Amino acid sequence: MNTSGAVWLVILVALVAANLPFVNNRWLAVGPSTAEKTWWQRLFELVVFYLMVGGLGLALEQHQGQIYPQGWAFYATTGALFLTLAFPGFVWRFLMRRN
């Protein structure tokens, strides 16, 4: 896989993973279905999915070549991007009126 394909794969996986805690009630999207998850469970899932997507990115970077060391600014930026990608799922879960 070339570098451009790897970048788009990570972005697509991040988009899906960021919205998973809000669109289903299964624990980490594979566990047993619960009646309704609390907000802190959804937040914990969001952090876990962020770490999983980061692991995928790290693995793809290792596959491409040497891993470049990152500082705190990288993680702050990618965390903010992950929260931005989660916004559609948040709106669907908490802000849309249901009939």
N, C-alpha and C. Protein backbone atom coordinates (compact mmCIF):
# COMPACT_ATOMS: atom_id res chain seq x y z
N MET A 1 0.84 -1.16 0.00
CA MET A 1 0.00 0.00 0.00
C MET A 1 0.90 1.24 0.00
N ASN A 2 0.56 2.22 -0.85
CA ASN A 2 1.36 3.43 -0.89
C ASN A 2 0.98 4.36 0.26
N THR A 3 1.72 5.42 0.43
CA THR A 3 1.53 6.33 1.55
C THR A 3 0.17 7.02 1.50
N SER A 4 -0.24 7.44 0.32
CA SER A 4 -1.53 8.12 0.19
C SER A 4 -2.68 7.18 0.55
N GLY A 5 -2.61 5.95 0.13
CA GLY A 5 -3.64 4.97 0.47
C GLY A 5 -3.70 4.69 1.96
N ALA A 6 -2.53 4.64 2.60
CA ALA A 6 -2.48 4.41 4.04
C ALA A 6 -3.10 5.57 4.80
N VAL A 7 -2.84 6.78 4.35
CA VAL A 7 -3.41 7.96 5.01
C VAL A 7 -4.93 7.96 4.89
N TRP A 8 -5.44 7.69 3.70
CA TRP A 8 -6.89 7.67 3.51
C TRP A 8 -7.54 6.52 4.28
N LEU A 9 -6.85 5.41 4.40
CA LEU A 9 -7.38 4.29 5.18
C LEU A 9 -7.51 4.68 6.65
N VAL A 10 -6.50 5.34 7.20
CA VAL A 10 -6.57 5.76 8.60
C VAL A 10 -7.68 6.78 8.81
N ILE A 11 -7.84 7.71 7.88
CA ILE A 11 -8.91 8.72 8.01
C ILE A 11 -10.28 8.06 7.94
N LEU A 12 -10.47 7.12 7.03
CA LEU A 12 -11.75 6.43 6.91
C LEU A 12 -12.05 5.60 8.15
N VAL A 13 -11.07 4.87 8.64
CA VAL A 13 -11.26 4.07 9.86
C VAL A 13 -11.53 4.97 11.05
N ALA A 14 -10.86 6.12 11.12
CA ALA A 14 -11.09 7.07 12.21
C ALA A 14 -12.51 7.63 12.15
N LEU A 15 -13.01 7.91 10.97
CA LEU A 15 -14.38 8.42 10.83
C LEU A 15 -15.40 7.41 11.33
N VAL A 16 -15.22 6.17 10.96
CA VAL A 16 -16.14 5.12 11.40
C VAL A 16 -16.00 4.87 12.90
N ALA A 17 -14.78 4.78 13.38
CA ALA A 17 -14.54 4.47 14.80
C ALA A 17 -15.00 5.61 15.70
N ALA A 18 -14.88 6.84 15.26
CA ALA A 18 -15.29 7.97 16.09
C ALA A 18 -16.80 8.01 16.28
N ASN A 19 -17.55 7.48 15.33
CA ASN A 19 -19.00 7.52 15.42
C ASN A 19 -19.60 6.25 16.02
N LEU A 20 -18.83 5.18 16.12
CA LEU A 20 -19.36 3.93 16.67
C LEU A 20 -19.93 4.03 18.09
N PRO A 21 -19.31 4.76 19.02
CA PRO A 21 -19.90 4.81 20.35
C PRO A 21 -21.29 5.44 20.39
N PHE A 22 -21.62 6.24 19.39
CA PHE A 22 -22.88 6.97 19.39
C PHE A 22 -23.98 6.29 18.59
N VAL A 23 -23.64 5.41 17.67
CA VAL A 23 -24.66 4.82 16.80
C VAL A 23 -25.12 3.44 17.24
N ASN A 24 -24.49 2.86 18.25
CA ASN A 24 -24.95 1.55 18.74
C ASN A 24 -24.81 1.46 20.25
N ASN A 25 -25.44 0.47 20.83
CA ASN A 25 -25.38 0.27 22.27
C ASN A 25 -24.56 -0.95 22.65
N ARG A 26 -23.83 -1.50 21.73
CA ARG A 26 -22.96 -2.63 22.05
C ARG A 26 -21.64 -2.11 22.61
N TRP A 27 -21.08 -2.85 23.54
CA TRP A 27 -19.82 -2.45 24.15
C TRP A 27 -18.69 -2.65 23.16
N LEU A 28 -18.01 -1.59 22.78
CA LEU A 28 -16.94 -1.57 21.78
C LEU A 28 -17.39 -2.15 20.44
N ALA A 29 -18.66 -2.02 20.14
CA ALA A 29 -19.28 -2.43 18.89
C ALA A 29 -19.31 -3.94 18.68
N VAL A 30 -18.82 -4.73 19.62
CA VAL A 30 -18.84 -6.19 19.45
C VAL A 30 -19.40 -6.91 20.67
N GLY A 31 -19.46 -6.24 21.79
CA GLY A 31 -19.91 -6.88 23.03
C GLY A 31 -21.41 -7.04 23.07
N PRO A 32 -21.92 -7.48 24.21
CA PRO A 32 -23.36 -7.66 24.33
C PRO A 32 -24.09 -6.32 24.30
N SER A 33 -25.29 -6.35 23.76
CA SER A 33 -26.10 -5.14 23.67
C SER A 33 -26.66 -4.78 25.04
N THR A 34 -26.56 -3.52 25.39
CA THR A 34 -27.11 -3.06 26.65
C THR A 34 -28.31 -2.18 26.37
N ALA A 35 -29.07 -1.90 27.40
CA ALA A 35 -30.26 -1.07 27.23
C ALA A 35 -29.88 0.33 26.75
N GLU A 36 -29.03 1.00 27.46
CA GLU A 36 -28.56 2.32 27.07
C GLU A 36 -27.24 2.58 27.78
N LYS A 37 -26.23 2.96 27.02
CA LYS A 37 -24.94 3.26 27.61
C LYS A 37 -24.98 4.66 28.21
N THR A 38 -24.23 4.84 29.29
CA THR A 38 -24.14 6.17 29.89
C THR A 38 -23.13 7.01 29.12
N TRP A 39 -23.09 8.29 29.42
CA TRP A 39 -22.19 9.19 28.69
C TRP A 39 -20.74 8.84 28.97
N TRP A 40 -20.41 8.41 30.18
CA TRP A 40 -19.01 8.10 30.48
C TRP A 40 -18.58 6.81 29.78
N GLN A 41 -19.51 5.87 29.57
CA GLN A 41 -19.17 4.66 28.81
C GLN A 41 -18.88 5.02 27.36
N ARG A 42 -19.67 5.93 26.80
CA ARG A 42 -19.43 6.36 25.42
C ARG A 42 -18.10 7.10 25.31
N LEU A 43 -17.79 7.92 26.32
CA LEU A 43 -16.52 8.64 26.32
C LEU A 43 -15.34 7.67 26.43
N PHE A 44 -15.48 6.66 27.29
CA PHE A 44 -14.42 5.66 27.42
C PHE A 44 -14.23 4.90 26.10
N GLU A 45 -15.33 4.55 25.44
CA GLU A 45 -15.23 3.88 24.14
C GLU A 45 -14.55 4.78 23.12
N LEU A 46 -14.84 6.07 23.16
CA LEU A 46 -14.22 7.00 22.23
C LEU A 46 -12.71 7.03 22.43
N VAL A 47 -12.26 7.02 23.67
CA VAL A 47 -10.82 6.99 23.96
C VAL A 47 -10.20 5.68 23.48
N VAL A 48 -10.88 4.56 23.73
CA VAL A 48 -10.36 3.26 23.30
C VAL A 48 -10.26 3.21 21.78
N PHE A 49 -11.28 3.69 21.08
CA PHE A 49 -11.23 3.69 19.62
C PHE A 49 -10.14 4.63 19.10
N TYR A 50 -9.91 5.75 19.79
CA TYR A 50 -8.82 6.66 19.41
C TYR A 50 -7.49 5.93 19.50
N LEU A 51 -7.29 5.19 20.57
CA LEU A 51 -6.04 4.44 20.74
C LEU A 51 -5.91 3.33 19.69
N MET A 52 -7.02 2.69 19.35
CA MET A 52 -6.98 1.63 18.33
C MET A 52 -6.64 2.21 16.96
N VAL A 53 -7.23 3.34 16.60
CA VAL A 53 -6.91 3.98 15.32
C VAL A 53 -5.47 4.45 15.32
N GLY A 54 -5.00 4.97 16.46
CA GLY A 54 -3.59 5.35 16.56
C GLY A 54 -2.67 4.16 16.38
N GLY A 55 -3.05 3.01 16.93
CA GLY A 55 -2.27 1.79 16.73
C GLY A 55 -2.23 1.37 15.27
N LEU A 56 -3.36 1.50 14.57
CA LEU A 56 -3.39 1.20 13.15
C LEU A 56 -2.46 2.13 12.39
N GLY A 57 -2.52 3.43 12.71
CA GLY A 57 -1.64 4.39 12.05
C GLY A 57 -0.17 4.09 12.33
N LEU A 58 0.12 3.72 13.56
CA LEU A 58 1.50 3.37 13.93
C LEU A 58 1.97 2.14 13.16
N ALA A 59 1.09 1.15 13.04
CA ALA A 59 1.45 -0.06 12.30
C ALA A 59 1.69 0.23 10.82
N LEU A 60 0.84 1.07 10.24
CA LEU A 60 1.02 1.43 8.83
C LEU A 60 2.29 2.25 8.63
N GLU A 61 2.60 3.13 9.59
CA GLU A 61 3.83 3.91 9.50
C GLU A 61 5.06 3.00 9.61
N GLN A 62 4.99 2.02 10.49
CA GLN A 62 6.09 1.06 10.62
C GLN A 62 6.26 0.25 9.34
N HIS A 63 5.13 -0.08 8.71
CA HIS A 63 5.19 -0.83 7.46
C HIS A 63 5.84 0.01 6.34
N GLN A 64 5.60 1.33 6.36
CA GLN A 64 6.16 2.21 5.33
C GLN A 64 7.65 2.47 5.54
N GLY A 65 8.09 2.43 6.79
CA GLY A 65 9.50 2.72 7.08
C GLY A 65 9.67 2.98 8.56
N GLN A 66 10.60 3.87 8.89
CA GLN A 66 10.90 4.16 10.27
C GLN A 66 9.81 5.03 10.90
N ILE A 67 9.50 4.75 12.17
CA ILE A 67 8.49 5.52 12.89
C ILE A 67 9.10 6.83 13.36
N TYR A 68 8.42 7.93 13.06
CA TYR A 68 8.89 9.24 13.47
C TYR A 68 8.38 9.54 14.87
N PRO A 69 9.24 9.94 15.82
CA PRO A 69 8.78 10.23 17.18
C PRO A 69 7.88 11.47 17.21
N GLN A 70 6.80 11.41 17.99
CA GLN A 70 5.83 12.49 18.07
C GLN A 70 5.83 13.11 19.45
N GLY A 71 5.51 14.39 19.52
CA GLY A 71 5.39 15.10 20.78
C GLY A 71 3.93 15.26 21.18
N TRP A 72 3.71 16.04 22.23
CA TRP A 72 2.36 16.21 22.75
C TRP A 72 1.46 16.92 21.76
N ALA A 73 2.00 17.81 20.93
CA ALA A 73 1.18 18.57 19.99
C ALA A 73 0.53 17.65 18.96
N PHE A 74 1.22 16.60 18.57
CA PHE A 74 0.65 15.63 17.62
C PHE A 74 -0.58 14.96 18.21
N TYR A 75 -0.47 14.53 19.47
CA TYR A 75 -1.59 13.84 20.10
C TYR A 75 -2.75 14.78 20.41
N ALA A 76 -2.45 16.03 20.73
CA ALA A 76 -3.51 17.02 20.94
C ALA A 76 -4.25 17.29 19.63
N THR A 77 -3.53 17.38 18.54
CA THR A 77 -4.14 17.64 17.24
C THR A 77 -4.96 16.45 16.77
N THR A 78 -4.41 15.25 16.87
CA THR A 78 -5.17 14.08 16.41
C THR A 78 -6.37 13.81 17.31
N GLY A 79 -6.25 14.09 18.60
CA GLY A 79 -7.40 13.95 19.50
C GLY A 79 -8.51 14.92 19.13
N ALA A 80 -8.15 16.17 18.82
CA ALA A 80 -9.15 17.16 18.39
C ALA A 80 -9.77 16.75 17.06
N LEU A 81 -8.98 16.23 16.15
CA LEU A 81 -9.52 15.75 14.88
C LEU A 81 -10.47 14.58 15.10
N PHE A 82 -10.12 13.67 16.00
CA PHE A 82 -10.98 12.52 16.28
C PHE A 82 -12.31 12.98 16.87
N LEU A 83 -12.28 13.97 17.77
CA LEU A 83 -13.52 14.51 18.33
C LEU A 83 -14.35 15.21 17.26
N THR A 84 -13.70 15.89 16.32
CA THR A 84 -14.41 16.53 15.22
C THR A 84 -15.08 15.49 14.34
N LEU A 85 -14.39 14.39 14.09
CA LEU A 85 -14.98 13.32 13.28
C LEU A 85 -16.16 12.65 14.00
N ALA A 86 -16.18 12.72 15.34
CA ALA A 86 -17.26 12.11 16.12
C ALA A 86 -18.50 12.98 16.18
N PHE A 87 -18.43 14.21 15.69
CA PHE A 87 -19.56 15.13 15.82
C PHE A 87 -20.84 14.64 15.16
N PRO A 88 -20.83 14.05 13.95
CA PRO A 88 -22.10 13.57 13.38
C PRO A 88 -22.79 12.52 14.25
N GLY A 89 -22.04 11.60 14.82
CA GLY A 89 -22.65 10.60 15.70
C GLY A 89 -23.20 11.21 16.97
N PHE A 90 -22.49 12.20 17.53
CA PHE A 90 -22.96 12.91 18.71
C PHE A 90 -24.28 13.63 18.42
N VAL A 91 -24.34 14.31 17.29
CA VAL A 91 -25.57 15.01 16.91
C VAL A 91 -26.71 14.02 16.73
N TRP A 92 -26.44 12.92 16.06
CA TRP A 92 -27.49 11.93 15.84
C TRP A 92 -28.01 11.36 17.15
N ARG A 93 -27.12 11.09 18.10
CA ARG A 93 -27.51 10.47 19.37
C ARG A 93 -28.19 11.45 20.32
N PHE A 94 -27.65 12.64 20.47
CA PHE A 94 -28.09 13.53 21.54
C PHE A 94 -28.87 14.76 21.10
N LEU A 95 -28.73 15.21 19.89
CA LEU A 95 -29.34 16.47 19.50
C LEU A 95 -30.52 16.35 18.55
N MET A 96 -30.66 15.22 17.87
CA MET A 96 -31.79 15.06 16.96
C MET A 96 -33.05 14.68 17.73
N ARG A 97 -34.14 15.30 17.33
CA ARG A 97 -35.42 15.00 17.96
C ARG A 97 -35.98 13.71 17.40
N ARG A 98 -36.40 12.85 18.28
CA ARG A 98 -36.98 11.55 17.86
C ARG A 98 -38.49 11.60 18.10
N ASN A 99 -39.23 11.08 17.15
CA ASN A 99 -40.71 11.05 17.27
C ASN A 99 -41.19 9.78 17.90
